[in-house]
């Protein structure tokens, strides 16, 4: 379904002129040789313009020339600076391959005035006339792609109507097979075009479909014949994917670690413009897009969908590099309506007191979520592979309403212990992981609420609340104190409470006496809270010696909830 969905997306883009027809591509050509009708070079233009060219051939270790354009070695037989003797020896073969490629054009194309000029130029024995033109020294030193223009034309020779029509015909020739993507008859794609733009992949591009070793083949078939995809379908899906990955198309892709995500819909929908912001924040939206993006995101947060878009198919593809190939790390296929509902559940699970979730507020992006489990809050401190895998797992959990990766809980709790603190976003992540785990397990348990829950009697949650009360007593006894029991005991209290709370109880008694002398009303409030919490703890065994990882997470949430509740009337500031 991946290739079929991409091929359909290509058809949509082709209808609006956003991609080139089969056999062509857009590419920057730095150098254009202007030819007289007799093939004599009259000017050398350093253009850096983007032109419509015959599609680039896929080169492996052999020699393969592009049609009517290529680098200076192929077009001019020019050996690049720094080439080894072995590399230089191949230059004449490359030039010959380029000449043969032009000569193999259909008769009607060879009769075109532009192609005749190119053929005459290529028949010259040297570049003597060209070397006399301005710009030659720069071309000889820098190299780069070169093509041709007939004197008096604005476009390239390969863009002339008769030539373009002939090229399109060549692209559709070859032995016919039944295409597995389209179901139509067509010539099989022996080598599929390269995909460019996936982080960590080779700069020349990588293959999504490839049979580059004999071990990958079957029944004596060679290369692309093992997966019968037509040339047209191979061109379509790769052109669509390259369009999604283009640098100037940031609202259609996002990158986290070594995983690059692309997303698209079968038909035009506002969700296409907004989806990246669900996970990347508003950074992917331009100024012109920001308002409609925020409108869509706000509607999703409130559970309000655009009914006309609800049934539109929507796709998300996660790709990772694997040498010269690409690995599919994630694939999602659903509808805009389904996606909207799942994203609302994702945001609801992350909702917690202290985390703003208004339409104008930043989203809990992948970057922010992964930052909660990273040293110093910087996701870049995580290995690329781990970051990419976790990003894919979070996207999967959000879009499919499945469990978040267990690694998130363990690492988030670990960072709380190491830093002796509970940032709001980290508490939100822990809450989301625990609630999804509760829903998808057979063991009945109470879900964690957004704010303080007096009815939650789980041990970890109650101990977290108790720790927050003890800290509140200390702060009331010593106003303006810089270091609290959290800085010394948070990690131990949340993992080995029996040992930690012995000392904490002793300190609490001393601090409570001081509060009582200063403000008896305050002391009664704290005593009542302690009695309430202790009354819900299982008193038969006292404080537990150890807490399992889920209860360690509940300890963090209990602390966060109780801490916020203690100071709600005195501190209305909310952190993001």
Foldseek 3Di string as FASTA:
>chain_A
DLLLLLLLVLVVCVVVPNADAFQKGKDFFQWEFEFELLQQTDAIHRDRDIAIAGDDDDDDPDAADGAQKDWCLQLAVADAPPDDPVRNVCSVVSVVNHLVNLVPFDPQLCPDSQSNNSNSNSPDPHCVSVCPHPPNVVCSHPITMYGYCYPPDPHGSCPPVSNVVRSVVVLFDADWDQAPNPRDITHFDQDFDFAAQQPPADRNGAAAAWDPDPVSAPPPDHIRVRHGHHSNSSSSSRRSRNSLRDPVNLLQWDDKQQKIKGKDWSDDDLCSNQVVCQAVWCVSPDPVNSVSNLVQVQCLLVVHDDVVQFAIKMKMWIWGYDHRHIDTLDIDIDGPNLQSPLLNVVQQLLAAPLQDDHSPDTHCHLLQLCLLLAVVSGNVNDHSVVGSNLVRQSVCCSSVVAARDPVSLVSNLVVCLVQLDFDSSSLSVLLSNLQRVCVPDPDHADRDHRADDLPHLDQLLLLLLLVLLLQVLQCLLPPPDDDTVSVPCVSCCLFFVVVRVVVSVVSSVVSLVSNCVVPVVVSVVSVVSNCSSVVSHPPPVNRHRGDDSNSSSSSSNSNVRNNCVVCVVPDVDGDD
